[in-house]
Amino acid sequence: MTRKIADCRKHPSVSHCSLTIAGEEDEVVRAATDHAVAVHEHTDSPELREQIRAMLEDEKTGA
């Protein structure tokens, strides 16, 4: 299974966040949602989770 990545550096923010979260898709969506609510003051909603899921990228491997 391909790991997914959510990278805050690719999305401009007031806090200039540099966090990157990697793991299985559901884990990353869950952790990125928690981060978006706690740090970026978003409201947890199905729409937010779908936006996060849509921005995920496959982790690039060195192989």
N, C-alpha and C. Protein backbone atom coordinates (compact mmCIF):
# COMPACT_ATOMS: atom_id res chain seq x y z
N MET A 1 0.84 -1.18 0.00
CA MET A 1 0.00 0.00 0.00
C MET A 1 0.89 1.25 0.00
N THR A 2 0.54 2.20 -0.83
CA THR A 2 1.29 3.45 -0.93
C THR A 2 0.94 4.38 0.21
N ARG A 3 1.95 4.87 0.90
CA ARG A 3 1.72 5.85 1.97
C ARG A 3 1.36 7.18 1.34
N LYS A 4 0.59 7.98 2.07
CA LYS A 4 0.17 9.29 1.63
C LYS A 4 0.85 10.37 2.44
N ILE A 5 0.95 11.56 1.87
CA ILE A 5 1.58 12.70 2.53
C ILE A 5 0.66 13.91 2.47
N ALA A 6 0.56 14.62 3.59
CA ALA A 6 -0.06 15.94 3.65
C ALA A 6 1.05 16.90 4.05
N ASP A 7 1.30 17.91 3.23
CA ASP A 7 2.43 18.82 3.45
C ASP A 7 1.92 20.26 3.55
N CYS A 8 1.96 20.84 4.74
CA CYS A 8 1.47 22.20 4.96
C CYS A 8 2.24 23.24 4.15
N ARG A 9 3.49 22.95 3.81
CA ARG A 9 4.30 23.93 3.08
C ARG A 9 3.71 24.24 1.71
N LYS A 10 2.89 23.34 1.18
CA LYS A 10 2.29 23.54 -0.15
C LYS A 10 1.03 24.38 -0.10
N HIS A 11 0.62 24.80 1.10
CA HIS A 11 -0.60 25.59 1.27
C HIS A 11 -0.28 26.81 2.12
N PRO A 12 -0.28 27.99 1.53
CA PRO A 12 0.08 29.20 2.27
C PRO A 12 -0.78 29.39 3.52
N SER A 13 -0.15 29.81 4.59
CA SER A 13 -0.89 30.08 5.82
C SER A 13 -0.20 31.20 6.59
N VAL A 14 -0.95 31.82 7.47
CA VAL A 14 -0.42 32.90 8.29
C VAL A 14 0.70 32.39 9.19
N SER A 15 0.59 31.15 9.64
CA SER A 15 1.58 30.60 10.57
C SER A 15 2.85 30.09 9.87
N HIS A 16 2.86 30.05 8.53
CA HIS A 16 4.01 29.55 7.77
C HIS A 16 4.40 28.15 8.25
N CYS A 17 3.41 27.32 8.42
CA CYS A 17 3.57 25.97 8.94
C CYS A 17 4.43 25.12 8.00
N SER A 18 5.28 24.29 8.58
CA SER A 18 6.15 23.42 7.79
C SER A 18 5.91 21.94 8.07
N LEU A 19 4.80 21.61 8.72
CA LEU A 19 4.53 20.22 9.10
C LEU A 19 4.23 19.36 7.88
N THR A 20 4.77 18.15 7.88
CA THR A 20 4.44 17.12 6.89
C THR A 20 3.99 15.89 7.67
N ILE A 21 2.87 15.32 7.24
CA ILE A 21 2.32 14.13 7.89
C ILE A 21 2.31 13.01 6.85
N ALA A 22 2.82 11.83 7.21
CA ALA A 22 2.86 10.70 6.28
C ALA A 22 2.34 9.45 6.97
N GLY A 23 1.67 8.61 6.20
CA GLY A 23 1.17 7.35 6.72
C GLY A 23 0.09 6.81 5.80
N GLU A 24 -0.68 5.85 6.29
CA GLU A 24 -1.80 5.34 5.52
C GLU A 24 -2.85 6.44 5.40
N GLU A 25 -3.60 6.43 4.31
CA GLU A 25 -4.52 7.52 3.98
C GLU A 25 -5.43 7.93 5.13
N ASP A 26 -6.12 6.99 5.74
CA ASP A 26 -7.04 7.34 6.83
C ASP A 26 -6.32 7.94 8.03
N GLU A 27 -5.11 7.45 8.32
CA GLU A 27 -4.32 8.01 9.41
C GLU A 27 -3.94 9.45 9.13
N VAL A 28 -3.52 9.71 7.90
CA VAL A 28 -3.09 11.06 7.53
C VAL A 28 -4.27 12.02 7.55
N VAL A 29 -5.41 11.59 7.03
CA VAL A 29 -6.59 12.47 7.04
C VAL A 29 -6.97 12.80 8.48
N ARG A 30 -6.96 11.82 9.35
CA ARG A 30 -7.31 12.03 10.76
C ARG A 30 -6.33 13.00 11.43
N ALA A 31 -5.03 12.75 11.25
CA ALA A 31 -4.01 13.60 11.88
C ALA A 31 -4.00 15.00 11.27
N ALA A 32 -4.14 15.10 9.97
CA ALA A 32 -4.13 16.40 9.31
C ALA A 32 -5.37 17.22 9.70
N THR A 33 -6.49 16.55 9.90
CA THR A 33 -7.70 17.25 10.36
C THR A 33 -7.48 17.79 11.76
N ASP A 34 -6.95 16.97 12.65
CA ASP A 34 -6.66 17.43 14.01
C ASP A 34 -5.71 18.63 13.97
N HIS A 35 -4.69 18.56 13.13
CA HIS A 35 -3.73 19.65 13.00
C HIS A 35 -4.39 20.92 12.45
N ALA A 36 -5.22 20.76 11.42
CA ALA A 36 -5.88 21.92 10.81
C ALA A 36 -6.78 22.63 11.81
N VAL A 37 -7.44 21.87 12.67
CA VAL A 37 -8.32 22.46 13.69
C VAL A 37 -7.49 23.12 14.78
N ALA A 38 -6.46 22.44 15.28
CA ALA A 38 -5.68 22.95 16.41
C ALA A 38 -4.78 24.11 16.04
N VAL A 39 -4.17 24.06 14.86
CA VAL A 39 -3.15 25.05 14.50
C VAL A 39 -3.69 26.12 13.55
N HIS A 40 -4.50 25.70 12.60
CA HIS A 40 -4.95 26.62 11.55
C HIS A 40 -6.37 27.13 11.77
N GLU A 41 -6.96 26.75 12.90
CA GLU A 41 -8.28 27.24 13.33
C GLU A 41 -9.41 26.92 12.36
N HIS A 42 -9.29 25.79 11.64
CA HIS A 42 -10.39 25.33 10.80
C HIS A 42 -11.41 24.62 11.69
N THR A 43 -12.60 24.44 11.16
CA THR A 43 -13.64 23.69 11.86
C THR A 43 -13.69 22.28 11.28
N ASP A 44 -13.67 21.29 12.16
CA ASP A 44 -13.75 19.89 11.71
C ASP A 44 -15.10 19.66 11.06
N SER A 45 -15.09 19.20 9.83
CA SER A 45 -16.33 18.93 9.10
C SER A 45 -16.04 17.90 8.02
N PRO A 46 -17.07 17.28 7.50
CA PRO A 46 -16.86 16.35 6.38
C PRO A 46 -16.21 17.06 5.18
N GLU A 47 -16.55 18.32 4.97
CA GLU A 47 -15.98 19.07 3.86
C GLU A 47 -14.47 19.26 4.05
N LEU A 48 -14.05 19.59 5.27
CA LEU A 48 -12.62 19.75 5.55
C LEU A 48 -11.89 18.44 5.30
N ARG A 49 -12.45 17.34 5.78
CA ARG A 49 -11.81 16.04 5.59
C ARG A 49 -11.69 15.68 4.11
N GLU A 50 -12.68 16.02 3.32
CA GLU A 50 -12.62 15.76 1.88
C GLU A 50 -11.58 16.65 1.21
N GLN A 51 -11.47 17.91 1.64
CA GLN A 51 -10.44 18.80 1.09
C GLN A 51 -9.05 18.25 1.39
N ILE A 52 -8.87 17.79 2.61
CA ILE A 52 -7.57 17.21 3.00
C ILE A 52 -7.30 15.96 2.19
N ARG A 53 -8.29 15.10 2.06
CA ARG A 53 -8.11 13.86 1.29
C ARG A 53 -7.72 14.18 -0.16
N ALA A 54 -8.32 15.21 -0.73
CA ALA A 54 -8.05 15.59 -2.12
C ALA A 54 -6.63 16.14 -2.31
N MET A 55 -6.04 16.72 -1.27
CA MET A 55 -4.70 17.30 -1.39
C MET A 55 -3.58 16.31 -1.11
N LEU A 56 -3.90 15.11 -0.66
CA LEU A 56 -2.87 14.12 -0.34
C LEU A 56 -2.09 13.72 -1.59
N GLU A 57 -0.83 13.46 -1.37
CA GLU A 57 0.05 12.99 -2.45
C GLU A 57 0.63 11.64 -2.04
N ASP A 58 1.01 10.86 -3.03
CA ASP A 58 1.70 9.61 -2.75
C ASP A 58 3.10 9.91 -2.25
N GLU A 59 3.55 9.14 -1.27
CA GLU A 59 4.92 9.29 -0.79
C GLU A 59 5.88 8.78 -1.85
N LYS A 60 6.88 9.56 -2.15
CA LYS A 60 7.88 9.14 -3.13
C LYS A 60 8.93 8.30 -2.43
N THR A 61 9.24 7.19 -2.99
CA THR A 61 10.24 6.31 -2.41
C THR A 61 11.55 6.45 -3.18
N GLY A 62 12.62 6.05 -2.55
CA GLY A 62 13.93 6.15 -3.17
C GLY A 62 14.21 5.05 -4.17
N ALA A 63 13.27 4.16 -4.36
CA ALA A 63 13.51 3.02 -5.27
C ALA A 63 13.29 3.37 -6.71
